[in-house]
Amino acid sequence: MGRTVFVSYKYSDSKVQDLELYELVDFLGSKIRRKTTTTARNYVDKLAEKLEKDDHIYKGEDDDESMDSLADSTIGSKLGDKIFHSSVTIVLISKGMKESFTAEKDQWIPWEVSYSLKEQTRQNQRSKTNGVIALVLPDEYGSYEYYITRDEACNCRTLITPFLFEILSQNMFNIKEPNRRLCNGSYVYTGDASYIQSVKWEDFINNPSTYIEKAIELRDRLNEFEIRKNIK
């Protein structure tokens, strides 16, 4: 079944794996191929193409507009229009997605996640909370270890959630009745411990529908999770 998917990402983040992209440019009356810098936006293009092949509908932002001059009501209107008719939000996790010296409330991704998690009313219609997927992009070295690492001693993967925006990390490991064990002083979770699931790009792109339908399943089990919807 096709789903309408909203994609949230940091448009200009170039701390991602090179996709070996080229563009044609004029040079002394001739066309030559020039290598371009890969950004998160290029991954969105590939993602949109794959989603459409699987009969899903892509919705997302087309630019990297600044929020500096926008009132909260304007932000809400812009995002509400985009997100209202979607059922799943995919957040691209990339190494440079956060602006370190800018408050989270002044960056787009936290707002997009917040509006994805809220129910909205428009023209007497009410939307549901979206399913949300954290789709992790490889960094410029082809590694995911800025966010996902492997703990061999505890036989599990570790998510470095402090790296994320708070509204993302607060909706991970948030199941009300966790199935977990202690290992080396930390909890190891099994089962669906997080409302927002983290998936590597290489796994997702081979079978998007599997992960999209999983997000819908978790949305249908929303009451099992402690959901944080607001930006601090």
Protein backbone atom coordinates (compact mmCIF):
# COMPACT_ATOMS: atom_id res chain seq x y z
CA MET A 1 0.00 0.00 0.00
CA GLY A 2 1.42 3.37 -1.00
CA ARG A 3 1.99 5.93 1.76
CA THR A 4 2.48 9.69 1.67
CA VAL A 5 5.93 10.37 3.09
CA PHE A 6 7.30 13.67 4.37
CA VAL A 7 11.11 13.95 4.41
CA SER A 8 12.95 16.19 6.89
CA TYR A 9 16.65 16.91 6.37
CA LYS A 10 19.44 19.47 6.52
CA TYR A 11 19.59 20.63 2.92
CA SER A 12 23.20 21.81 2.78
CA ASP A 13 24.91 19.20 4.95
CA SER A 14 27.94 17.94 2.99
CA LYS A 15 29.28 15.66 5.75
CA VAL A 16 27.85 12.69 3.88
CA GLN A 17 29.33 9.95 1.72
CA ASP A 18 30.20 11.07 -1.80
CA LEU A 19 27.69 9.84 -4.40
CA GLU A 20 30.06 10.61 -7.30
CA LEU A 21 27.73 13.13 -8.93
CA TYR A 22 28.60 15.28 -11.94
CA GLU A 23 27.01 18.19 -13.78
CA LEU A 24 27.45 19.53 -17.31
CA VAL A 25 28.89 23.06 -17.50
CA ASP A 26 29.92 25.35 -20.35
CA PHE A 27 33.66 25.74 -20.87
CA LEU A 28 34.99 27.69 -23.87
CA GLY A 29 31.92 26.83 -25.91
CA SER A 30 31.94 23.14 -25.00
CA LYS A 31 30.11 21.06 -22.40
CA ILE A 32 32.29 19.39 -19.81
CA ARG A 33 31.47 17.21 -16.81
CA ARG A 34 32.28 18.75 -13.43
CA LYS A 35 32.14 16.89 -10.16
CA THR A 36 29.71 18.33 -7.62
CA THR A 37 29.72 18.25 -3.84
CA THR A 38 27.30 15.68 -2.45
CA THR A 39 24.88 16.98 0.18
CA ALA A 40 21.92 15.54 2.07
CA ARG A 41 19.71 16.98 -0.68
CA ASN A 42 21.23 14.53 -3.17
CA TYR A 43 20.22 11.63 -0.93
CA VAL A 44 16.68 13.04 -0.87
CA ASP A 45 16.62 12.91 -4.68
CA LYS A 46 17.58 9.23 -4.61
CA LEU A 47 15.10 8.55 -1.83
CA ALA A 48 12.24 10.27 -3.68
CA GLU A 49 12.97 8.22 -6.80
CA LYS A 50 12.93 4.98 -4.80
CA LEU A 51 9.74 5.90 -2.94
CA GLU A 52 7.93 6.64 -6.18
CA LYS A 53 9.00 3.28 -7.63
CA ASP A 54 7.44 1.62 -4.59
CA ASP A 55 4.19 3.60 -5.11
CA HIS A 56 4.76 5.95 -2.19
CA ILE A 57 4.24 9.72 -2.50
CA TYR A 58 7.14 11.99 -1.55
CA LYS A 59 6.56 15.36 0.15
CA GLY A 60 9.31 17.61 1.49
CA GLU A 61 11.02 20.96 1.43
CA ASP A 62 12.79 22.10 -1.73
CA ASP A 63 15.19 24.61 -0.20
CA ASP A 64 17.04 25.58 2.96
CA GLU A 65 15.00 28.63 3.95
CA SER A 66 16.13 30.42 7.10
CA MET A 67 13.74 30.55 10.05
CA ASP A 68 15.25 33.76 11.42
CA SER A 69 12.45 36.06 10.25
CA LEU A 70 9.53 33.65 10.61
CA ALA A 71 6.99 33.80 13.44
CA ASP A 72 5.91 30.57 15.11
CA SER A 73 2.48 30.87 13.47
CA THR A 74 4.09 31.16 10.02
CA ILE A 75 6.28 28.12 10.68
CA GLY A 76 3.22 26.20 11.85
CA SER A 77 1.24 27.12 8.75
CA LYS A 78 4.05 26.16 6.35
CA LEU A 79 4.72 22.83 8.04
CA GLY A 80 1.09 22.02 8.68
CA ASP A 81 0.31 22.29 4.99
CA LYS A 82 3.16 19.94 4.09
CA ILE A 83 2.72 17.37 6.83
CA PHE A 84 -1.06 17.21 7.26
CA HIS A 85 -1.72 14.68 4.50
CA SER A 86 1.35 12.53 5.17
CA SER A 87 1.34 9.37 7.29
CA VAL A 88 5.10 8.80 7.71
CA THR A 89 7.95 11.24 8.31
CA ILE A 90 11.50 10.23 7.40
CA VAL A 91 14.20 12.27 9.13
CA LEU A 92 17.60 12.09 7.46
CA ILE A 93 20.22 11.76 10.20
CA SER A 94 23.46 13.25 8.93
CA LYS A 95 26.68 14.23 10.63
CA GLY A 96 26.21 17.96 10.11
CA MET A 97 22.43 18.13 10.55
CA LYS A 98 22.62 20.32 13.66
CA GLU A 99 23.84 23.91 13.78
CA SER A 100 25.87 23.88 16.98
CA PHE A 101 25.44 27.52 17.94
CA THR A 102 21.78 27.84 16.95
CA ALA A 103 18.95 26.96 19.34
CA GLU A 104 16.98 23.89 18.34
CA LYS A 105 13.79 25.95 18.18
CA ASP A 106 15.44 28.02 15.44
CA GLN A 107 16.16 25.02 13.19
CA TRP A 108 13.72 23.33 10.83
CA ILE A 109 14.15 19.65 11.67
CA PRO A 110 12.87 19.83 15.29
CA TRP A 111 9.78 21.73 14.13
CA GLU A 112 9.13 19.22 11.36
CA VAL A 113 9.38 16.34 13.82
CA SER A 114 7.16 18.15 16.33
CA TYR A 115 4.43 18.77 13.77
CA SER A 116 4.72 15.19 12.54
CA LEU A 117 4.00 13.91 16.05
CA LYS A 118 1.04 16.22 16.66
CA GLU A 119 -2.54 15.69 15.55
CA GLN A 120 -3.81 18.55 13.42
CA THR A 121 -7.24 19.77 12.36
CA ARG A 122 -7.88 21.31 8.94
CA GLN A 123 -11.29 21.92 7.33
CA ASN A 124 -13.00 19.64 9.85
CA GLN A 125 -10.53 16.85 9.16
CA ARG A 126 -8.16 15.58 11.84
CA SER A 127 -4.80 13.99 11.07
CA LYS A 128 -3.12 11.22 13.03
CA THR A 129 0.34 11.29 14.55
CA ASN A 130 2.82 10.27 11.86
CA GLY A 131 5.03 7.25 12.04
CA VAL A 132 8.63 8.51 12.15
CA ILE A 133 11.83 6.91 10.84
CA ALA A 134 15.37 8.11 11.59
CA LEU A 135 17.17 7.29 8.34
CA VAL A 136 20.90 7.40 9.02
CA LEU A 137 23.21 8.57 6.22
CA PRO A 138 26.86 7.47 6.01
CA ASP A 139 29.33 10.27 6.75
CA GLU A 140 32.07 11.55 4.45
CA TYR A 141 34.18 8.48 5.36
CA GLY A 142 31.35 6.05 4.60
CA SER A 143 30.84 5.36 8.31
CA TYR A 144 27.76 5.35 10.53
CA GLU A 145 29.76 5.40 13.75
CA TYR A 146 29.08 9.06 14.48
CA TYR A 147 25.68 7.73 15.60
CA ILE A 148 25.53 3.91 15.42
CA THR A 149 28.24 1.70 16.92
CA ARG A 150 28.54 -1.99 17.75
CA ASP A 151 29.04 -3.24 21.32
CA GLU A 152 30.51 -6.71 20.96
CA ALA A 153 30.67 -7.32 24.71
CA CYS A 154 26.92 -6.84 25.10
CA ASN A 155 26.07 -8.16 21.61
CA CYS A 156 24.04 -5.11 20.63
CA ARG A 157 24.22 -1.90 18.69
CA THR A 158 24.53 1.45 20.48
CA LEU A 159 22.78 4.64 19.37
CA ILE A 160 24.57 7.84 20.37
CA THR A 161 21.29 9.67 21.02
CA PRO A 162 22.85 12.83 22.60
CA PHE A 163 24.05 13.60 19.07
CA LEU A 164 20.44 14.10 17.95
CA PHE A 165 17.95 16.90 18.38
CA GLU A 166 16.17 16.42 21.70
CA ILE A 167 12.76 15.78 20.16
CA LEU A 168 14.26 12.81 18.31
CA SER A 169 16.21 11.34 21.24
CA GLN A 170 13.24 11.77 23.60
CA ASN A 171 11.13 9.56 21.36
CA MET A 172 13.66 6.72 21.38
CA PHE A 173 13.81 4.05 24.09
CA ASN A 174 10.46 5.44 25.19
CA ILE A 175 8.30 2.33 25.35
CA LYS A 176 6.27 2.30 28.57
CA GLU A 177 6.99 -1.34 29.43
CA PRO A 178 10.53 -2.04 28.20
CA ASN A 179 12.06 -5.46 27.74
CA ARG A 180 15.65 -4.84 28.80
CA ARG A 181 18.65 -6.25 30.59
CA LEU A 182 21.73 -4.78 32.23
CA CYS A 183 25.13 -5.20 30.60
CA ASN A 184 28.27 -3.42 31.78
CA GLY A 185 26.20 -0.85 33.63
CA SER A 186 23.88 0.04 30.74
CA TYR A 187 20.49 -1.21 29.61
CA VAL A 188 20.22 -3.32 26.48
CA TYR A 189 16.73 -3.21 24.96
CA THR A 190 15.03 -5.87 22.86
CA GLY A 191 11.90 -5.62 20.77
CA ASP A 192 10.33 -2.34 19.70
CA ALA A 193 11.86 -0.11 22.35
CA SER A 194 11.61 3.15 20.37
CA TYR A 195 8.75 4.93 18.65
CA ILE A 196 11.30 6.42 16.25
CA GLN A 197 13.31 3.57 14.75
CA SER A 198 16.88 4.17 13.49
CA VAL A 199 17.77 2.57 10.15
CA LYS A 200 20.96 2.72 8.09
CA TRP A 201 20.64 4.13 4.58
CA GLU A 202 22.06 0.96 2.99
CA ASP A 203 19.39 -1.18 4.67
CA PHE A 204 16.46 1.15 4.07
CA ILE A 205 17.07 1.94 0.40
CA ASN A 206 16.95 -1.75 -0.55
CA ASN A 207 13.46 -2.22 0.92
CA PRO A 208 11.79 1.07 1.94
CA SER A 209 8.29 -0.37 2.22
CA THR A 210 9.31 -2.76 5.00
CA TYR A 211 10.46 0.10 7.22
CA ILE A 212 7.60 2.41 6.23
CA GLU A 213 5.02 -0.23 7.15
CA LYS A 214 6.86 -0.82 10.44
CA ALA A 215 6.51 2.89 11.22
CA ILE A 216 2.77 2.61 10.52
CA GLU A 217 2.55 -0.41 12.83
CA LEU A 218 4.23 1.56 15.63
CA ARG A 219 1.89 4.49 15.00
CA ASP A 220 -1.05 2.12 15.46
CA ARG A 221 0.51 1.13 18.81
CA LEU A 222 1.04 4.75 19.84
CA ASN A 223 -0.38 4.24 23.35
CA GLU A 224 2.51 1.89 24.18
CA PHE A 225 5.00 4.78 24.01
CA GLU A 226 5.68 7.98 25.94
CA ILE A 227 5.50 10.49 23.10
CA ARG A 228 7.12 13.93 23.42
CA LYS A 229 5.63 16.30 20.88
CA ASN A 230 6.92 19.74 21.84
CA ILE A 231 10.24 21.48 21.33
CA LYS A 232 11.88 22.68 24.54
